């Protein structure tokens, strides 16, 4: 199981629930550089920041089922 990679303030350490594909150039046709892993809280912060900056939302996919 992957852990959240957020290092803002302190290392998060929660189980990652989202996987983000980071590409060079135009995505999804650009070369895949790496995958980043985020918990729900940090994935939402990243998405909100990109909306605020008027940047295309990150390409993320859920890797853990949402709690019922």
PDB file of N, CA and C in Angstrom:
ATOM      1  N   UNK A   1       0.842  -1.167   0.000  1.00  0.00           N
ATOM      2  CA  UNK A   1       0.000   0.000   0.000  1.00  0.00           C
ATOM      3  C   UNK A   1       0.897   1.243   0.000  1.00  0.00           C
ATOM      4  N   UNK A   2       0.602   2.177  -0.875  1.00  0.00           N
ATOM      5  CA  UNK A   2       1.357   3.424  -0.981  1.00  0.00           C
ATOM      6  C   UNK A   2       0.907   4.408   0.101  1.00  0.00           C
ATOM      7  N   UNK A   3       1.809   5.322   0.469  1.00  0.00           N
ATOM      8  CA  UNK A   3       1.487   6.380   1.413  1.00  0.00           C
ATOM      9  C   UNK A   3       1.397   7.708   0.691  1.00  0.00           C
ATOM     10  N   UNK A   4       0.617   8.628   1.250  1.00  0.00           N
ATOM     11  CA  UNK A   4       0.488   9.971   0.694  1.00  0.00           C
ATOM     12  C   UNK A   4       1.857  10.639   0.677  1.00  0.00           C
ATOM     13  N   UNK A   5       2.174  11.315  -0.422  1.00  0.00           N
ATOM     14  CA  UNK A   5       3.490  11.920  -0.592  1.00  0.00           C
ATOM     15  C   UNK A   5       3.550  13.389  -0.204  1.00  0.00           C
ATOM     16  N   UNK A   6       2.499  13.914   0.419  1.00  0.00           N
ATOM     17  CA  UNK A   6       2.494  15.326   0.784  1.00  0.00           C
ATOM     18  C   UNK A   6       3.556  15.605   1.841  1.00  0.00           C
ATOM     19  N   UNK A   7       4.308  16.665   1.600  1.00  0.00           N
ATOM     20  CA  UNK A   7       5.337  17.058   2.555  1.00  0.00           C
ATOM     21  C   UNK A   7       5.152  18.515   2.956  1.00  0.00           C
ATOM     22  N   UNK A   8       3.931  19.030   2.799  1.00  0.00           N
ATOM     23  CA  UNK A   8       3.627  20.402   3.181  1.00  0.00           C
ATOM     24  C   UNK A   8       3.450  20.438   4.696  1.00  0.00           C
ATOM     25  N   UNK A   9       4.268  21.212   5.370  1.00  0.00           N
ATOM     26  CA  UNK A   9       4.221  21.277   6.830  1.00  0.00           C
ATOM     27  C   UNK A   9       4.935  20.096   7.450  1.00  0.00           C
ATOM     28  N   UNK A  10       4.416  18.924   7.264  1.00  0.00           N
ATOM     29  CA  UNK A  10       5.052  17.691   7.739  1.00  0.00           C
ATOM     30  C   UNK A  10       4.664  16.572   6.795  1.00  0.00           C
ATOM     31  N   UNK A  11       5.316  15.443   6.895  1.00  0.00           N
ATOM     32  CA  UNK A  11       4.974  14.301   6.045  1.00  0.00           C
ATOM     33  C   UNK A  11       3.610  13.793   6.472  1.00  0.00           C
ATOM     34  N   UNK A  12       2.722  13.577   5.502  1.00  0.00           N
ATOM     35  CA  UNK A  12       1.341  13.180   5.785  1.00  0.00           C
ATOM     36  C   UNK A  12       1.285  11.793   6.423  1.00  0.00           C
ATOM     37  N   UNK A  13       1.753  10.792   5.729  1.00  0.00           N
ATOM     38  CA  UNK A  13       1.771   9.438   6.281  1.00  0.00           C
ATOM     39  C   UNK A  13       0.475   8.660   6.185  1.00  0.00           C
ATOM     40  N   UNK A  14      -0.605   9.260   5.645  1.00  0.00           N
ATOM     41  CA  UNK A  14      -1.856   8.522   5.483  1.00  0.00           C
ATOM     42  C   UNK A  14      -1.757   7.589   4.281  1.00  0.00           C
ATOM     43  N   UNK A  15      -2.615   6.584   4.253  1.00  0.00           N
ATOM     44  CA  UNK A  15      -2.670   5.686   3.114  1.00  0.00           C
ATOM     45  C   UNK A  15      -3.145   6.450   1.887  1.00  0.00           C
ATOM     46  N   UNK A  16      -2.460   6.272   0.773  1.00  0.00           N
ATOM     47  CA  UNK A  16      -2.828   6.952  -0.470  1.00  0.00           C
ATOM     48  C   UNK A  16      -4.095   6.333  -1.041  1.00  0.00           C
ATOM     49  N   UNK A  17      -4.985   7.208  -1.506  1.00  0.00           N
ATOM     50  CA  UNK A  17      -6.223   6.749  -2.130  1.00  0.00           C
ATOM     51  C   UNK A  17      -6.316   7.212  -3.581  1.00  0.00           C
ATOM     52  N   UNK A  18      -5.396   8.067  -4.016  1.00  0.00           N
ATOM     53  CA  UNK A  18      -5.374   8.582  -5.380  1.00  0.00           C
ATOM     54  C   UNK A  18      -3.974   8.436  -5.967  1.00  0.00           C
ATOM     55  N   UNK A  19      -3.935   8.167  -7.270  1.00  0.00           N
ATOM     56  CA  UNK A  19      -2.679   8.046  -8.006  1.00  0.00           C
ATOM     57  C   UNK A  19      -2.715   9.078  -9.133  1.00  0.00           C
ATOM     58  N   UNK A  20      -1.715   9.967  -9.166  1.00  0.00           N
ATOM     59  CA  UNK A  20      -1.650  11.028 -10.167  1.00  0.00           C
ATOM     60  C   UNK A  20      -0.553  10.709 -11.166  1.00  0.00           C
ATOM     61  N   UNK A  21      -0.884  10.766 -12.450  1.00  0.00           N
ATOM     62  CA  UNK A  21       0.099  10.577 -13.516  1.00  0.00           C
ATOM     63  C   UNK A  21       0.707  11.938 -13.851  1.00  0.00           C
ATOM     64  N   UNK A  22       2.025  12.041 -13.767  1.00  0.00           N
ATOM     65  CA  UNK A  22       2.730  13.285 -14.076  1.00  0.00           C
ATOM     66  C   UNK A  22       3.479  13.080 -15.390  1.00  0.00           C
ATOM     67  N   UNK A  23       3.116  13.891 -16.395  1.00  0.00           N
ATOM     68  CA  UNK A  23       3.682  13.756 -17.739  1.00  0.00           C
ATOM     69  C   UNK A  23       4.557  14.954 -18.101  1.00  0.00           C
ATOM     70  N   UNK A  24       5.491  14.734 -19.008  1.00  0.00           N
ATOM     71  CA  UNK A  24       6.259  15.817 -19.611  1.00  0.00           C
ATOM     72  C   UNK A  24       5.541  16.210 -20.890  1.00  0.00           C
ATOM     73  N   UNK A  25       5.376  17.496 -21.113  1.00  0.00           N
ATOM     74  CA  UNK A  25       4.716  17.936 -22.335  1.00  0.00           C
ATOM     75  C   UNK A  25       3.218  17.790 -22.247  1.00  0.00           C
ATOM     76  N   UNK A  26       2.586  17.640 -23.413  1.00  0.00           N
ATOM     77  CA  UNK A  26       1.130  17.540 -23.474  1.00  0.00           C
ATOM     78  C   UNK A  26       0.670  16.194 -22.946  1.00  0.00           C
ATOM     79  N   UNK A  27      -0.236  16.231 -21.985  1.00  0.00           N
ATOM     80  CA  UNK A  27      -0.748  14.967 -21.508  1.00  0.00           C
ATOM     81  C   UNK A  27      -1.997  14.617 -22.261  1.00  0.00           C
ATOM     82  N   UNK A  28      -2.424  13.446 -22.432  1.00  0.00           N
ATOM     83  CA  UNK A  28      -1.731  12.234 -22.000  1.00  0.00           C
ATOM     84  C   UNK A  28      -0.714  11.732 -23.013  1.00  0.00           C
ATOM     85  N   UNK A  29      -0.439  12.526 -24.061  1.00  0.00           N
ATOM     86  CA  UNK A  29       0.502  12.068 -25.083  1.00  0.00           C
ATOM     87  C   UNK A  29       1.960  12.290 -24.686  1.00  0.00           C
ATOM     88  N   UNK A  30       2.190  13.130 -23.675  1.00  0.00           N
ATOM     89  CA  UNK A  30       3.565  13.370 -23.228  1.00  0.00           C
ATOM     90  C   UNK A  30       4.133  12.160 -22.517  1.00  0.00           C
ATOM     91  N   UNK A  31       5.421  12.135 -22.402  1.00  0.00           N
ATOM     92  CA  UNK A  31       6.102  11.011 -21.744  1.00  0.00           C
ATOM     93  C   UNK A  31       5.759  10.995 -20.258  1.00  0.00           C
ATOM     94  N   UNK A  32       5.397   9.834 -19.728  1.00  0.00           N
ATOM     95  CA  UNK A  32       5.089   9.673 -18.308  1.00  0.00           C
ATOM     96  C   UNK A  32       6.386   9.804 -17.519  1.00  0.00           C
ATOM     97  N   UNK A  33       6.425  10.755 -16.596  1.00  0.00           N
ATOM     98  CA  UNK A  33       7.612  10.943 -15.765  1.00  0.00           C
ATOM     99  C   UNK A  33       7.561  10.079 -14.507  1.00  0.00           C
ATOM    100  N   UNK A  34       6.437  10.147 -13.801  1.00  0.00           N
ATOM    101  CA  UNK A  34       6.289   9.363 -12.578  1.00  0.00           C
ATOM    102  C   UNK A  34       4.831   9.393 -12.126  1.00  0.00           C
ATOM    103  N   UNK A  35       4.529   8.593 -11.125  1.00  0.00           N
ATOM    104  CA  UNK A  35       3.211   8.617 -10.484  1.00  0.00           C
ATOM    105  C   UNK A  35       3.391   9.205  -9.090  1.00  0.00           C
ATOM    106  N   UNK A  36       2.460  10.064  -8.690  1.00  0.00           N
ATOM    107  CA  UNK A  36       2.431  10.618  -7.343  1.00  0.00           C
ATOM    108  C   UNK A  36       1.210  10.046  -6.635  1.00  0.00           C
ATOM    109  N   UNK A  37       1.322   9.833  -5.337  1.00  0.00           N
ATOM    110  CA  UNK A  37       0.243   9.218  -4.567  1.00  0.00           C
ATOM    111  C   UNK A  37      -0.227  10.184  -3.491  1.00  0.00           C
ATOM    112  N   UNK A  38      -1.575  10.324  -3.353  1.00  0.00           N
ATOM    113  CA  UNK A  38      -2.169  11.300  -2.440  1.00  0.00           C
ATOM    114  C   UNK A  38      -3.320  10.698  -1.660  1.00  0.00           C
ATOM    115  N   UNK A  39      -3.515  11.181  -0.432  1.00  0.00           N
ATOM    116  CA  UNK A  39      -4.707  10.827   0.342  1.00  0.00           C
ATOM    117  C   UNK A  39      -5.857  11.715  -0.158  1.00  0.00           C
ATOM    118  N   UNK A  40      -7.074  11.444   0.283  1.00  0.00           N
ATOM    119  CA  UNK A  40      -8.232  12.230  -0.158  1.00  0.00           C
ATOM    120  C   UNK A  40      -8.053  13.714   0.122  1.00  0.00           C
ATOM    121  N   UNK A  41      -7.579  14.042   1.311  1.00  0.00           N
ATOM    122  CA  UNK A  41      -7.432  15.438   1.721  1.00  0.00           C
ATOM    123  C   UNK A  41      -6.464  16.194   0.806  1.00  0.00           C
ATOM    124  N   UNK A  42      -5.312  15.626   0.547  1.00  0.00           N
ATOM    125  CA  UNK A  42      -4.315  16.324  -0.269  1.00  0.00           C
ATOM    126  C   UNK A  42      -4.675  16.313  -1.755  1.00  0.00           C
ATOM    127  N   UNK A  43      -5.345  15.275  -2.233  1.00  0.00           N
ATOM    128  CA  UNK A  43      -5.801  15.253  -3.626  1.00  0.00           C
ATOM    129  C   UNK A  43      -6.798  16.390  -3.858  1.00  0.00           C
ATOM    130  N   UNK A  44      -7.681  16.612  -2.895  1.00  0.00           N
ATOM    131  CA  UNK A  44      -8.657  17.702  -3.012  1.00  0.00           C
ATOM    132  C   UNK A  44      -7.952  19.059  -2.993  1.00  0.00           C
ATOM    133  N   UNK A  45      -6.948  19.216  -2.140  1.00  0.00           N
ATOM    134  CA  UNK A  45      -6.200  20.480  -2.083  1.00  0.00           C
ATOM    135  C   UNK A  45      -5.500  20.766  -3.407  1.00  0.00           C
ATOM    136  N   UNK A  46      -4.919  19.747  -4.012  1.00  0.00           N
ATOM    137  CA  UNK A  46      -4.227  19.912  -5.300  1.00  0.00           C
ATOM    138  C   UNK A  46      -5.233  20.315  -6.371  1.00  0.00           C
ATOM    139  N   UNK A  47      -6.380  19.647  -6.402  1.00  0.00           N
ATOM    140  CA  UNK A  47      -7.408  19.955  -7.396  1.00  0.00           C
ATOM    141  C   UNK A  47      -7.922  21.383  -7.221  1.00  0.00           C
ATOM    142  N   UNK A  48      -8.199  21.796  -5.983  1.00  0.00           N
ATOM    143  CA  UNK A  48      -8.678  23.150  -5.721  1.00  0.00           C
ATOM    144  C   UNK A  48      -7.636  24.198  -6.106  1.00  0.00           C
ATOM    145  N   UNK A  49      -6.373  23.943  -5.814  1.00  0.00           N
ATOM    146  CA  UNK A  49      -5.300  24.891  -6.154  1.00  0.00           C
ATOM    147  C   UNK A  49      -5.209  25.069  -7.658  1.00  0.00           C
ATOM    148  N   UNK A  50      -5.303  23.982  -8.404  1.00  0.00           N
ATOM    149  CA  UNK A  50      -5.224  24.070  -9.866  1.00  0.00           C
ATOM    150  C   UNK A  50      -6.427  24.812 -10.435  1.00  0.00           C
ATOM    151  N   UNK A  51      -7.616  24.629  -9.842  1.00  0.00           N
ATOM    152  CA  UNK A  51      -8.798  25.389 -10.276  1.00  0.00           C
ATOM    153  C   UNK A  51      -8.596  26.876 -10.018  1.00  0.00           C
ATOM    154  N   UNK A  52      -8.076  27.197  -8.838  1.00  0.00           N
ATOM    155  CA  UNK A  52      -7.839  28.588  -8.464  1.00  0.00           C
ATOM    156  C   UNK A  52      -6.834  29.240  -9.410  1.00  0.00           C
ATOM    157  N   UNK A  53      -5.807  28.503  -9.809  1.00  0.00           N
ATOM    158  CA  UNK A  53      -4.770  29.009 -10.710  1.00  0.00           C
ATOM    159  C   UNK A  53      -5.191  28.924 -12.176  1.00  0.00           C
ATOM    160  N   UNK A  54      -6.418  28.414 -12.421  1.00  0.00           N
ATOM    161  CA  UNK A  54      -6.965  28.235 -13.772  1.00  0.00           C
ATOM    162  C   UNK A  54      -6.061  27.361 -14.651  1.00  0.00           C
ATOM    163  N   UNK A  55      -5.625  26.266 -14.062  1.00  0.00           N
ATOM    164  CA  UNK A  55      -4.789  25.282 -14.745  1.00  0.00           C
ATOM    165  C   UNK A  55      -5.632  24.021 -14.921  1.00  0.00           C
ATOM    166  N   UNK A  56      -5.336  23.244 -15.932  1.00  0.00           N
ATOM    167  CA  UNK A  56      -6.064  21.996 -16.177  1.00  0.00           C
ATOM    168  C   UNK A  56      -5.958  21.104 -14.940  1.00  0.00           C
ATOM    169  N   UNK A  57      -7.071  20.513 -14.503  1.00  0.00           N
ATOM    170  CA  UNK A  57      -7.034  19.640 -13.324  1.00  0.00           C
ATOM    171  C   UNK A  57      -6.047  18.485 -13.507  1.00  0.00           C
ATOM    172  N   UNK A  58      -5.481  17.996 -12.411  1.00  0.00           N
ATOM    173  CA  UNK A  58      -4.533  16.890 -12.514  1.00  0.00           C
ATOM    174  C   UNK A  58      -5.221  15.608 -12.976  1.00  0.00           C
ATOM    175  N   UNK A  59      -4.467  14.734 -13.619  1.00  0.00           N
ATOM    176  CA  UNK A  59      -4.977  13.434 -14.035  1.00  0.00           C
ATOM    177  C   UNK A  59      -4.784  12.465 -12.874  1.00  0.00           C
ATOM    178  N   UNK A  60      -5.877  12.182 -12.170  1.00  0.00           N
ATOM    179  CA  UNK A  60      -5.814  11.285 -11.013  1.00  0.00           C
ATOM    180  C   UNK A  60      -6.831  10.179 -11.166  1.00  0.00           C
ATOM    181  N   UNK A  61      -6.504   9.043 -10.577  1.00  0.00           N
ATOM    182  CA  UNK A  61      -7.478   7.959 -10.525  1.00  0.00           C
ATOM    183  C   UNK A  61      -7.487   7.377  -9.122  1.00  0.00           C
ATOM    184  N   UNK A  62      -8.676   7.012  -8.669  1.00  0.00           N
ATOM    185  CA  UNK A  62      -8.823   6.456  -7.318  1.00  0.00           C
ATOM    186  C   UNK A  62      -8.244   5.043  -7.316  1.00  0.00           C
ATOM    187  N   UNK A  63      -7.408   4.760  -6.317  1.00  0.00           N
ATOM    188  CA  UNK A  63      -6.801   3.436  -6.208  1.00  0.00           C
ATOM    189  C   UNK A  63      -7.358   2.643  -5.038  1.00  0.00           C
ATOM    190  N   UNK A  64      -8.135   3.314  -4.175  1.00  0.00           N
ATOM    191  CA  UNK A  64      -8.773   2.657  -3.026  1.00  0.00           C
ATOM    192  C   UNK A  64     -10.240   3.027  -3.059  1.00  0.00           C
ATOM    193  N   UNK A  65     -11.094   2.084  -2.808  1.00  0.00           N
ATOM    194  CA  UNK A  65     -12.535   2.336  -2.797  1.00  0.00           C
ATOM    195  C   UNK A  65     -12.890   3.370  -1.733  1.00  0.00           C
ATOM    196  N   UNK A  66     -13.830   4.240  -2.077  1.00  0.00           N
ATOM    197  CA  UNK A  66     -14.309   5.241  -1.113  1.00  0.00           C
ATOM    198  C   UNK A  66     -15.065   4.532  -0.004  1.00  0.00           C
ATOM    199  N   UNK A  67     -14.891   5.002   1.257  1.00  0.00           N
ATOM    200  CA  UNK A  67     -15.618   4.377   2.363  1.00  0.00           C
ATOM    201  C   UNK A  67     -17.122   4.576   2.218  1.00  0.00           C
ATOM    202  N   UNK A  68     -17.884   3.578   2.606  1.00  0.00           N
ATOM    203  CA  UNK A  68     -19.354   3.641   2.473  1.00  0.00           C
ATOM    204  C   UNK A  68     -19.978   4.370   3.627  1.00  0.00           C
TER     205      UNK A  68
END
